[in-house]
Amino acid sequence: MSVFLQSVLAVFAAVGFYTVLHTVYEIVSARLLRLHGSAELTLYGDGCDAVSEHLIRAALRVRRQYFSGLLITFVEIGSGQGQNIAKHMAARQDITYLE
């Protein structure tokens, strides 16, 4: 077998080994966090901005899939005037909203 082919196989083996270790680490750390503690996520943004809505939806997805006890706090850093999507979503989804 040529040196080049051996090098390519070694790289694939290293990447595969890293992937397995990383996956095991994620599973163990997520399980320990669920069993032994709680997590809190604080989001900062303008509640009238569409980006804030996307942030809240992503945080809700994380809470639903990984951390059922995740406490989400949204801190309003904008004016809060107008159609405040974040405030409305926070009221419906058990998210603490701070102005």
PDB file of N, CA and C in Angstrom:
ATOM      1  N   MET A   1       0.855  -1.167   0.000  1.00  0.00           N
ATOM      2  CA  MET A   1       0.000   0.000   0.000  1.00  0.00           C
ATOM      3  C   MET A   1       0.908   1.239   0.000  1.00  0.00           C
ATOM      4  N   SER A   2       0.542   2.220  -0.792  1.00  0.00           N
ATOM      5  CA  SER A   2       1.384   3.408  -0.909  1.00  0.00           C
ATOM      6  C   SER A   2       1.279   4.283   0.345  1.00  0.00           C
ATOM      7  N   VAL A   3       2.243   5.141   0.487  1.00  0.00           N
ATOM      8  CA  VAL A   3       2.292   6.049   1.645  1.00  0.00           C
ATOM      9  C   VAL A   3       1.108   7.012   1.606  1.00  0.00           C
ATOM     10  N   PHE A   4       0.758   7.447   0.410  1.00  0.00           N
ATOM     11  CA  PHE A   4      -0.367   8.374   0.278  1.00  0.00           C
ATOM     12  C   PHE A   4      -1.669   7.723   0.746  1.00  0.00           C
ATOM     13  N   LEU A   5      -1.898   6.504   0.325  1.00  0.00           N
ATOM     14  CA  LEU A   5      -3.116   5.794   0.727  1.00  0.00           C
ATOM     15  C   LEU A   5      -3.138   5.539   2.239  1.00  0.00           C
ATOM     16  N   GLN A   6      -1.993   5.229   2.808  1.00  0.00           N
ATOM     17  CA  GLN A   6      -1.911   5.041   4.259  1.00  0.00           C
ATOM     18  C   GLN A   6      -2.221   6.344   4.991  1.00  0.00           C
ATOM     19  N   SER A   7      -1.735   7.453   4.447  1.00  0.00           N
ATOM     20  CA  SER A   7      -2.000   8.752   5.068  1.00  0.00           C
ATOM     21  C   SER A   7      -3.487   9.090   5.013  1.00  0.00           C
ATOM     22  N   VAL A   8      -4.123   8.825   3.881  1.00  0.00           N
ATOM     23  CA  VAL A   8      -5.552   9.094   3.743  1.00  0.00           C
ATOM     24  C   VAL A   8      -6.348   8.235   4.716  1.00  0.00           C
ATOM     25  N   LEU A   9      -6.007   6.961   4.831  1.00  0.00           N
ATOM     26  CA  LEU A   9      -6.699   6.088   5.768  1.00  0.00           C
ATOM     27  C   LEU A   9      -6.495   6.534   7.212  1.00  0.00           C
ATOM     28  N   ALA A  10      -5.299   7.016   7.534  1.00  0.00           N
ATOM     29  CA  ALA A  10      -5.025   7.500   8.881  1.00  0.00           C
ATOM     30  C   ALA A  10      -5.868   8.732   9.205  1.00  0.00           C
ATOM     31  N   VAL A  11      -6.031   9.613   8.226  1.00  0.00           N
ATOM     32  CA  VAL A  11      -6.856  10.804   8.442  1.00  0.00           C
ATOM     33  C   VAL A  11      -8.314  10.401   8.659  1.00  0.00           C
ATOM     34  N   PHE A  12      -8.836   9.490   7.847  1.00  0.00           N
ATOM     35  CA  PHE A  12     -10.207   9.021   8.037  1.00  0.00           C
ATOM     36  C   PHE A  12     -10.388   8.358   9.399  1.00  0.00           C
ATOM     37  N   ALA A  13      -9.422   7.595   9.830  1.00  0.00           N
ATOM     38  CA  ALA A  13      -9.508   6.945  11.141  1.00  0.00           C
ATOM     39  C   ALA A  13      -9.518   7.979  12.259  1.00  0.00           C
ATOM     40  N   ALA A  14      -8.681   9.003  12.130  1.00  0.00           N
ATOM     41  CA  ALA A  14      -8.625  10.041  13.159  1.00  0.00           C
ATOM     42  C   ALA A  14      -9.938  10.819  13.218  1.00  0.00           C
ATOM     43  N   VAL A  15     -10.491  11.162  12.076  1.00  0.00           N
ATOM     44  CA  VAL A  15     -11.760  11.888  12.042  1.00  0.00           C
ATOM     45  C   VAL A  15     -12.883  11.032  12.630  1.00  0.00           C
ATOM     46  N   GLY A  16     -12.904   9.763  12.291  1.00  0.00           N
ATOM     47  CA  GLY A  16     -13.919   8.869  12.840  1.00  0.00           C
ATOM     48  C   GLY A  16     -13.802   8.726  14.343  1.00  0.00           C
ATOM     49  N   PHE A  17     -12.586   8.593  14.852  1.00  0.00           N
ATOM     50  CA  PHE A  17     -12.360   8.480  16.289  1.00  0.00           C
ATOM     51  C   PHE A  17     -12.802   9.751  17.005  1.00  0.00           C
ATOM     52  N   TYR A  18     -12.467  10.910  16.444  1.00  0.00           N
ATOM     53  CA  TYR A  18     -12.876  12.182  17.026  1.00  0.00           C
ATOM     54  C   TYR A  18     -14.401  12.293  17.051  1.00  0.00           C
ATOM     55  N   THR A  19     -15.054  11.891  15.980  1.00  0.00           N
ATOM     56  CA  THR A  19     -16.510  11.971  15.902  1.00  0.00           C
ATOM     57  C   THR A  19     -17.172  11.108  16.968  1.00  0.00           C
ATOM     58  N   VAL A  20     -16.662   9.910  17.152  1.00  0.00           N
ATOM     59  CA  VAL A  20     -17.221   9.016  18.177  1.00  0.00           C
ATOM     60  C   VAL A  20     -17.040   9.621  19.562  1.00  0.00           C
ATOM     61  N   LEU A  21     -15.837  10.119  19.861  1.00  0.00           N
ATOM     62  CA  LEU A  21     -15.597  10.725  21.176  1.00  0.00           C
ATOM     63  C   LEU A  21     -16.475  11.953  21.399  1.00  0.00           C
ATOM     64  N   HIS A  22     -16.624  12.768  20.386  1.00  0.00           N
ATOM     65  CA  HIS A  22     -17.430  13.979  20.509  1.00  0.00           C
ATOM     66  C   HIS A  22     -18.906  13.629  20.748  1.00  0.00           C
ATOM     67  N   THR A  23     -19.423  12.647  20.055  1.00  0.00           N
ATOM     68  CA  THR A  23     -20.809  12.225  20.231  1.00  0.00           C
ATOM     69  C   THR A  23     -21.048  11.675  21.636  1.00  0.00           C
ATOM     70  N   VAL A  24     -20.136  10.852  22.118  1.00  0.00           N
ATOM     71  CA  VAL A  24     -20.267  10.301  23.471  1.00  0.00           C
ATOM     72  C   VAL A  24     -20.227  11.425  24.501  1.00  0.00           C
ATOM     73  N   TYR A  25     -19.338  12.383  24.318  1.00  0.00           N
ATOM     74  CA  TYR A  25     -19.250  13.518  25.239  1.00  0.00           C
ATOM     75  C   TYR A  25     -20.562  14.306  25.261  1.00  0.00           C
ATOM     76  N   GLU A  26     -21.143  14.581  24.093  1.00  0.00           N
ATOM     77  CA  GLU A  26     -22.398  15.323  24.042  1.00  0.00           C
ATOM     78  C   GLU A  26     -23.528  14.572  24.742  1.00  0.00           C
ATOM     79  N   ILE A  27     -23.602  13.272  24.527  1.00  0.00           N
ATOM     80  CA  ILE A  27     -24.661  12.473  25.159  1.00  0.00           C
ATOM     81  C   ILE A  27     -24.508  12.478  26.670  1.00  0.00           C
ATOM     82  N   VAL A  28     -23.293  12.273  27.149  1.00  0.00           N
ATOM     83  CA  VAL A  28     -23.055  12.228  28.597  1.00  0.00           C
ATOM     84  C   VAL A  28     -23.311  13.592  29.236  1.00  0.00           C
ATOM     85  N   SER A  29     -22.805  14.652  28.640  1.00  0.00           N
ATOM     86  CA  SER A  29     -22.979  15.977  29.239  1.00  0.00           C
ATOM     87  C   SER A  29     -24.438  16.403  29.233  1.00  0.00           C
ATOM     88  N   ALA A  30     -25.173  16.109  28.169  1.00  0.00           N
ATOM     89  CA  ALA A  30     -26.597  16.463  28.129  1.00  0.00           C
ATOM     90  C   ALA A  30     -27.377  15.674  29.159  1.00  0.00           C
ATOM     91  N   ARG A  31     -27.075  14.408  29.318  1.00  0.00           N
ATOM     92  CA  ARG A  31     -27.787  13.572  30.293  1.00  0.00           C
ATOM     93  C   ARG A  31     -27.485  14.031  31.719  1.00  0.00           C
ATOM     94  N   LEU A  32     -26.232  14.370  32.004  1.00  0.00           N
ATOM     95  CA  LEU A  32     -25.889  14.836  33.350  1.00  0.00           C
ATOM     96  C   LEU A  32     -26.562  16.156  33.667  1.00  0.00           C
ATOM     97  N   LEU A  33     -26.638  17.036  32.679  1.00  0.00           N
ATOM     98  CA  LEU A  33     -27.285  18.315  32.909  1.00  0.00           C
ATOM     99  C   LEU A  33     -28.771  18.125  33.168  1.00  0.00           C
ATOM    100  N   ARG A  34     -29.400  17.200  32.457  1.00  0.00           N
ATOM    101  CA  ARG A  34     -30.817  16.927  32.688  1.00  0.00           C
ATOM    102  C   ARG A  34     -31.061  16.331  34.059  1.00  0.00           C
ATOM    103  N   LEU A  35     -30.165  15.468  34.517  1.00  0.00           N
ATOM    104  CA  LEU A  35     -30.386  14.767  35.779  1.00  0.00           C
ATOM    105  C   LEU A  35     -30.008  15.593  36.996  1.00  0.00           C
ATOM    106  N   HIS A  36     -28.925  16.350  36.920  1.00  0.00           N
ATOM    107  CA  HIS A  36     -28.359  16.957  38.117  1.00  0.00           C
ATOM    108  C   HIS A  36     -28.475  18.469  38.204  1.00  0.00           C
ATOM    109  N   GLY A  37     -29.044  19.103  37.251  1.00  0.00           N
ATOM    110  CA  GLY A  37     -29.089  20.541  37.359  1.00  0.00           C
ATOM    111  C   GLY A  37     -30.063  21.143  36.383  1.00  0.00           C
ATOM    112  N   SER A  38     -30.057  22.425  36.378  1.00  0.00           N
ATOM    113  CA  SER A  38     -30.913  23.130  35.448  1.00  0.00           C
ATOM    114  C   SER A  38     -30.055  24.065  34.614  1.00  0.00           C
ATOM    115  N   ALA A  39     -30.593  24.452  33.512  1.00  0.00           N
ATOM    116  CA  ALA A  39     -29.881  25.361  32.617  1.00  0.00           C
ATOM    117  C   ALA A  39     -30.727  26.610  32.437  1.00  0.00           C
ATOM    118  N   GLU A  40     -30.056  27.710  32.222  1.00  0.00           N
ATOM    119  CA  GLU A  40     -30.751  28.965  31.986  1.00  0.00           C
ATOM    120  C   GLU A  40     -30.149  29.630  30.762  1.00  0.00           C
ATOM    121  N   LEU A  41     -31.006  30.109  29.886  1.00  0.00           N
ATOM    122  CA  LEU A  41     -30.581  30.783  28.666  1.00  0.00           C
ATOM    123  C   LEU A  41     -31.130  32.191  28.686  1.00  0.00           C
ATOM    124  N   THR A  42     -30.254  33.173  28.516  1.00  0.00           N
ATOM    125  CA  THR A  42     -30.670  34.567  28.487  1.00  0.00           C
ATOM    126  C   THR A  42     -30.452  35.101  27.081  1.00  0.00           C
ATOM    127  N   LEU A  43     -31.508  35.618  26.496  1.00  0.00           N
ATOM    128  CA  LEU A  43     -31.464  36.185  25.149  1.00  0.00           C
ATOM    129  C   LEU A  43     -31.613  37.691  25.245  1.00  0.00           C
ATOM    130  N   TYR A  44     -30.824  38.411  24.483  1.00  0.00           N
ATOM    131  CA  TYR A  44     -30.904  39.868  24.428  1.00  0.00           C
ATOM    132  C   TYR A  44     -31.301  40.261  23.012  1.00  0.00           C
ATOM    133  N   GLY A  45     -32.260  41.166  22.893  1.00  0.00           N
ATOM    134  CA  GLY A  45     -32.638  41.600  21.560  1.00  0.00           C
ATOM    135  C   GLY A  45     -33.759  42.611  21.583  1.00  0.00           C
ATOM    136  N   ASP A  46     -34.078  43.116  20.398  1.00  0.00           N
ATOM    137  CA  ASP A  46     -35.194  44.028  20.212  1.00  0.00           C
ATOM    138  C   ASP A  46     -36.421  43.182  19.942  1.00  0.00           C
ATOM    139  N   GLY A  47     -37.397  43.257  20.801  1.00  0.00           N
ATOM    140  CA  GLY A  47     -38.582  42.421  20.691  1.00  0.00           C
ATOM    141  C   GLY A  47     -39.392  42.654  19.434  1.00  0.00           C
ATOM    142  N   CYS A  48     -39.209  43.788  18.783  1.00  0.00           N
ATOM    143  CA  CYS A  48     -39.930  44.097  17.560  1.00  0.00           C
ATOM    144  C   CYS A  48     -39.212  43.579  16.318  1.00  0.00           C
ATOM    145  N   ASP A  49     -38.014  43.071  16.492  1.00  0.00           N
ATOM    146  CA  ASP A  49     -37.203  42.597  15.375  1.00  0.00           C
ATOM    147  C   ASP A  49     -37.492  41.124  15.091  1.00  0.00           C
ATOM    148  N   ALA A  50     -37.468  40.754  13.826  1.00  0.00           N
ATOM    149  CA  ALA A  50     -37.723  39.361  13.441  1.00  0.00           C
ATOM    150  C   ALA A  50     -36.614  38.420  13.915  1.00  0.00           C
ATOM    151  N   VAL A  51     -35.417  38.942  14.091  1.00  0.00           N
ATOM    152  CA  VAL A  51     -34.300  38.118  14.577  1.00  0.00           C
ATOM    153  C   VAL A  51     -34.596  37.606  15.982  1.00  0.00           C
ATOM    154  N   SER A  52     -35.222  38.426  16.798  1.00  0.00           N
ATOM    155  CA  SER A  52     -35.580  38.004  18.152  1.00  0.00           C
ATOM    156  C   SER A  52     -36.580  36.857  18.121  1.00  0.00           C
ATOM    157  N   GLU A  53     -37.506  36.903  17.186  1.00  0.00           N
ATOM    158  CA  GLU A  53     -38.457  35.807  17.057  1.00  0.00           C
ATOM    159  C   GLU A  53     -37.740  34.510  16.704  1.00  0.00           C
ATOM    160  N   HIS A  54     -36.776  34.587  15.801  1.00  0.00           N
ATOM    161  CA  HIS A  54     -36.012  33.393  15.428  1.00  0.00           C
ATOM    162  C   HIS A  54     -35.201  32.868  16.604  1.00  0.00           C
ATOM    163  N   LEU A  55     -34.623  33.765  17.399  1.00  0.00           N
ATOM    164  CA  LEU A  55     -33.867  33.348  18.580  1.00  0.00           C
ATOM    165  C   LEU A  55     -34.770  32.618  19.578  1.00  0.00           C
ATOM    166  N   ILE A  56     -35.944  33.160  19.799  1.00  0.00           N
ATOM    167  CA  ILE A  56     -36.869  32.541  20.753  1.00  0.00           C
ATOM    168  C   ILE A  56     -37.326  31.181  20.242  1.00  0.00           C
ATOM    169  N   ARG A  57     -37.635  31.087  18.964  1.00  0.00           N
ATOM    170  CA  ARG A  57     -38.051  29.793  18.394  1.00  0.00           C
ATOM    171  C   ARG A  57     -36.933  28.753  18.509  1.00  0.00           C
ATOM    172  N   ALA A  58     -35.693  29.165  18.273  1.00  0.00           N
ATOM    173  CA  ALA A  58     -34.557  28.239  18.413  1.00  0.00           C
ATOM    174  C   ALA A  58     -34.395  27.801  19.867  1.00  0.00           C
ATOM    175  N   ALA A  59     -34.551  28.736  20.797  1.00  0.00           N
ATOM    176  CA  ALA A  59     -34.442  28.397  22.218  1.00  0.00           C
ATOM    177  C   ALA A  59     -35.552  27.437  22.635  1.00  0.00           C
ATOM    178  N   LEU A  60     -36.750  27.649  22.123  1.00  0.00           N
ATOM    179  CA  LEU A  60     -37.857  26.739  22.434  1.00  0.00           C
ATOM    180  C   LEU A  60     -37.612  25.343  21.862  1.00  0.00           C
ATOM    181  N   ARG A  61     -37.014  25.289  20.686  1.00  0.00           N
ATOM    182  CA  ARG A  61     -36.681  23.991  20.086  1.00  0.00           C
ATOM    183  C   ARG A  61     -35.646  23.259  20.931  1.00  0.00           C
ATOM    184  N   VAL A  62     -34.645  23.988  21.426  1.00  0.00           N
ATOM    185  CA  VAL A  62     -33.625  23.385  22.292  1.00  0.00           C
ATOM    186  C   VAL A  62     -34.263  22.882  23.584  1.00  0.00           C
ATOM    187  N   ARG A  63     -35.168  23.687  24.149  1.00  0.00           N
ATOM    188  CA  ARG A  63     -35.835  23.259  25.387  1.00  0.00           C
ATOM    189  C   ARG A  63     -36.658  21.991  25.137  1.00  0.00           C
ATOM    190  N   ARG A  64     -37.361  21.945  24.035  1.00  0.00           N
ATOM    191  CA  ARG A  64     -38.220  20.798  23.743  1.00  0.00           C
ATOM    192  C   ARG A  64     -37.402  19.539  23.453  1.00  0.00           C
ATOM    193  N   GLN A  65     -36.278  19.667  22.734  1.00  0.00           N
ATOM    194  CA  GLN A  65     -35.513  18.493  22.316  1.00  0.00           C
ATOM    195  C   GLN A  65     -34.498  18.024  23.348  1.00  0.00           C
ATOM    196  N   TYR A  66     -33.848  18.953  24.042  1.00  0.00           N
ATOM    197  CA  TYR A  66     -32.708  18.557  24.867  1.00  0.00           C
ATOM    198  C   TYR A  66     -32.886  18.813  26.361  1.00  0.00           C
ATOM    199  N   PHE A  67     -33.344  19.995  26.733  1.00  0.00           N
ATOM    200  CA  PHE A  67     -33.386  20.393  28.139  1.00  0.00           C
ATOM    201  C   PHE A  67     -34.803  20.789  28.522  1.00  0.00           C
ATOM    202  N   SER A  68     -35.535  19.840  29.054  1.00  0.00           N
ATOM    203  CA  SER A  68     -36.940  20.108  29.357  1.00  0.00           C
ATOM    204  C   SER A  68     -37.113  21.170  30.447  1.00  0.00           C
ATOM    205  N   GLY A  69     -36.133  21.324  31.307  1.00  0.00           N
ATOM    206  CA  GLY A  69     -36.241  22.304  32.383  1.00  0.00           C
ATOM    207  C   GLY A  69     -35.524  23.614  32.098  1.00  0.00           C
ATOM    208  N   LEU A  70     -35.217  23.874  30.837  1.00  0.00           N
ATOM    209  CA  LEU A  70     -34.472  25.084  30.469  1.00  0.00           C
ATOM    210  C   LEU A  70     -35.283  26.334  30.783  1.00  0.00           C
ATOM    211  N   LEU A  71     -34.691  27.232  31.557  1.00  0.00           N
ATOM    212  CA  LEU A  71     -35.318  28.517  31.855  1.00  0.00           C
ATOM    213  C   LEU A  71     -34.837  29.521  30.818  1.00  0.00           C
ATOM    214  N   ILE A  72     -35.773  30.136  30.126  1.00  0.00           N
ATOM    215  CA  ILE A  72     -35.427  31.102  29.082  1.00  0.00           C
ATOM    216  C   ILE A  72     -35.842  32.486  29.554  1.00  0.00           C
ATOM    217  N   THR A  73     -34.912  33.431  29.447  1.00  0.00           N
ATOM    218  CA  THR A  73     -35.177  34.816  29.802  1.00  0.00           C
ATOM    219  C   THR A  73     -34.869  35.677  28.585  1.00  0.00           C
ATOM    220  N   PHE A  74     -35.793  36.552  28.215  1.00  0.00           N
ATOM    221  CA  PHE A  74     -35.570  37.482  27.112  1.00  0.00           C
ATOM    222  C   PHE A  74     -35.452  38.884  27.688  1.00  0.00           C
ATOM    223  N   VAL A  75     -34.342  39.548  27.403  1.00  0.00           N
ATOM    224  CA  VAL A  75     -34.110  40.905  27.897  1.00  0.00           C
ATOM    225  C   VAL A  75     -34.275  41.868  26.726  1.00  0.00           C
ATOM    226  N   GLU A  76     -35.214  42.777  26.859  1.00  0.00           N
ATOM    227  CA  GLU A  76     -35.506  43.755  25.812  1.00  0.00           C
ATOM    228  C   GLU A  76     -34.439  44.845  25.832  1.00  0.00           C
ATOM    229  N   ILE A  77     -33.737  45.021  24.715  1.00  0.00           N
ATOM    230  CA  ILE A  77     -32.725  46.081  24.634  1.00  0.00           C
ATOM    231  C   ILE A  77     -33.124  47.156  23.632  1.00  0.00           C
ATOM    232  N   GLY A  78     -34.259  46.962  22.990  1.00  0.00           N
ATOM    233  CA  GLY A  78     -34.751  47.961  22.041  1.00  0.00           C
ATOM    234  C   GLY A  78     -35.760  48.870  22.713  1.00  0.00           C
ATOM    235  N   SER A  79     -36.497  49.582  21.897  1.00  0.00           N
ATOM    236  CA  SER A  79     -37.496  50.507  22.435  1.00  0.00           C
ATOM    237  C   SER A  79     -38.726  49.775  22.956  1.00  0.00           C
ATOM    238  N   GLY A  80     -39.039  48.620  22.377  1.00  0.00           N
ATOM    239  CA  GLY A  80     -40.209  47.869  22.811  1.00  0.00           C
ATOM    240  C   GLY A  80     -41.507  48.439  22.284  1.00  0.00           C
ATOM    241  N   GLN A  81     -41.414  49.442  21.443  1.00  0.00           N
ATOM    242  CA  GLN A  81     -42.600  50.074  20.868  1.00  0.00           C
ATOM    243  C   GLN A  81     -42.962  49.375  19.567  1.00  0.00           C
ATOM    244  N   GLY A  82     -44.233  49.376  19.250  1.00  0.00           N
ATOM    245  CA  GLY A  82     -44.688  48.728  18.023  1.00  0.00           C
ATOM    246  C   GLY A  82     -45.185  47.327  18.312  1.00  0.00           C
ATOM    247  N   GLN A  83     -45.171  46.487  17.290  1.00  0.00           N
ATOM    248  CA  GLN A  83     -45.638  45.108  17.439  1.00  0.00           C
ATOM    249  C   GLN A  83     -44.512  44.282  18.059  1.00  0.00           C
ATOM    250  N   ASN A  84     -44.599  44.068  19.357  1.00  0.00           N
ATOM    251  CA  ASN A  84     -43.549  43.378  20.092  1.00  0.00           C
ATOM    252  C   ASN A  84     -43.809  41.869  20.067  1.00  0.00           C
ATOM    253  N   ILE A  85     -43.181  41.211  19.118  1.00  0.00           N
ATOM    254  CA  ILE A  85     -43.369  39.769  18.924  1.00  0.00           C
ATOM    255  C   ILE A  85     -42.812  38.991  20.108  1.00  0.00           C
ATOM    256  N   ALA A  86     -41.648  39.407  20.610  1.00  0.00           N
ATOM    257  CA  ALA A  86     -40.988  38.683  21.703  1.00  0.00           C
ATOM    258  C   ALA A  86     -41.848  38.691  22.967  1.00  0.00           C
ATOM    259  N   LYS A  87     -42.468  39.811  23.265  1.00  0.00           N
ATOM    260  CA  LYS A  87     -43.297  39.899  24.465  1.00  0.00           C
ATOM    261  C   LYS A  87     -44.512  38.973  24.344  1.00  0.00           C
ATOM    262  N   HIS A  88     -45.097  38.936  23.168  1.00  0.00           N
ATOM    263  CA  HIS A  88     -46.258  38.074  22.941  1.00  0.00           C
ATOM    264  C   HIS A  88     -45.861  36.595  23.035  1.00  0.00           C
ATOM    265  N   MET A  89     -44.741  36.220  22.432  1.00  0.00           N
ATOM    266  CA  MET A  89     -44.280  34.827  22.486  1.00  0.00           C
ATOM    267  C   MET A  89     -43.895  34.430  23.905  1.00  0.00           C
ATOM    268  N   ALA A  90     -43.275  35.351  24.635  1.00  0.00           N
ATOM    269  CA  ALA A  90     -42.866  35.057  26.009  1.00  0.00           C
ATOM    270  C   ALA A  90     -44.077  34.766  26.890  1.00  0.00           C
ATOM    271  N   ALA A  91     -45.142  35.494  26.682  1.00  0.00           N
ATOM    272  CA  ALA A  91     -46.341  35.277  27.483  1.00  0.00           C
ATOM    273  C   ALA A  91     -46.961  33.905  27.198  1.00  0.00           C
ATOM    274  N   ARG A  92     -46.889  33.452  25.962  1.00  0.00           N
ATOM    275  CA  ARG A  92     -47.498  32.167  25.599  1.00  0.00           C
ATOM    276  C   ARG A  92     -46.619  30.968  25.917  1.00  0.00           C
ATOM    277  N   GLN A  93     -45.293  31.138  25.948  1.00  0.00           N
ATOM    278  CA  GLN A  93     -44.377  29.996  26.011  1.00  0.00           C
ATOM    279  C   GLN A  93     -43.619  29.858  27.329  1.00  0.00           C
ATOM    280  N   ASP A  94     -44.065  30.486  28.392  1.00  0.00           N
ATOM    281  CA  ASP A  94     -43.405  30.376  29.699  1.00  0.00           C
ATOM    282  C   ASP A  94     -41.959  30.854  29.641  1.00  0.00           C
ATOM    283  N   ILE A  95     -41.783  32.059  29.099  1.00  0.00           N
ATOM    284  CA  ILE A  95     -40.467  32.689  29.012  1.00  0.00           C
ATOM    285  C   ILE A  95     -40.539  33.979  29.831  1.00  0.00           C
ATOM    286  N   THR A  96     -39.507  34.207  30.642  1.00  0.00           N
ATOM    287  CA  THR A  96     -39.440  35.440  31.425  1.00  0.00           C
ATOM    288  C   THR A  96     -39.044  36.576  30.499  1.00  0.00           C
ATOM    289  N   TYR A  97     -39.823  37.652  30.522  1.00  0.00           N
ATOM    290  CA  TYR A  97     -39.580  38.804  29.651  1.00  0.00           C
ATOM    291  C   TYR A  97     -39.226  40.001  30.526  1.00  0.00           C
ATOM    292  N   LEU A  98     -38.066  40.588  30.305  1.00  0.00           N
ATOM    293  CA  LEU A  98     -37.613  41.739  31.076  1.00  0.00           C
ATOM    294  C   LEU A  98     -37.462  42.940  30.160  1.00  0.00           C
ATOM    295  N   GLU A  99     -38.017  44.062  30.598  1.00  0.00           N
ATOM    296  CA  GLU A  99     -37.895  45.295  29.798  1.00  0.00           C
ATOM    297  C   GLU A  99     -36.766  46.124  30.295  1.00  0.00           C
TER     298      GLU A  99
END
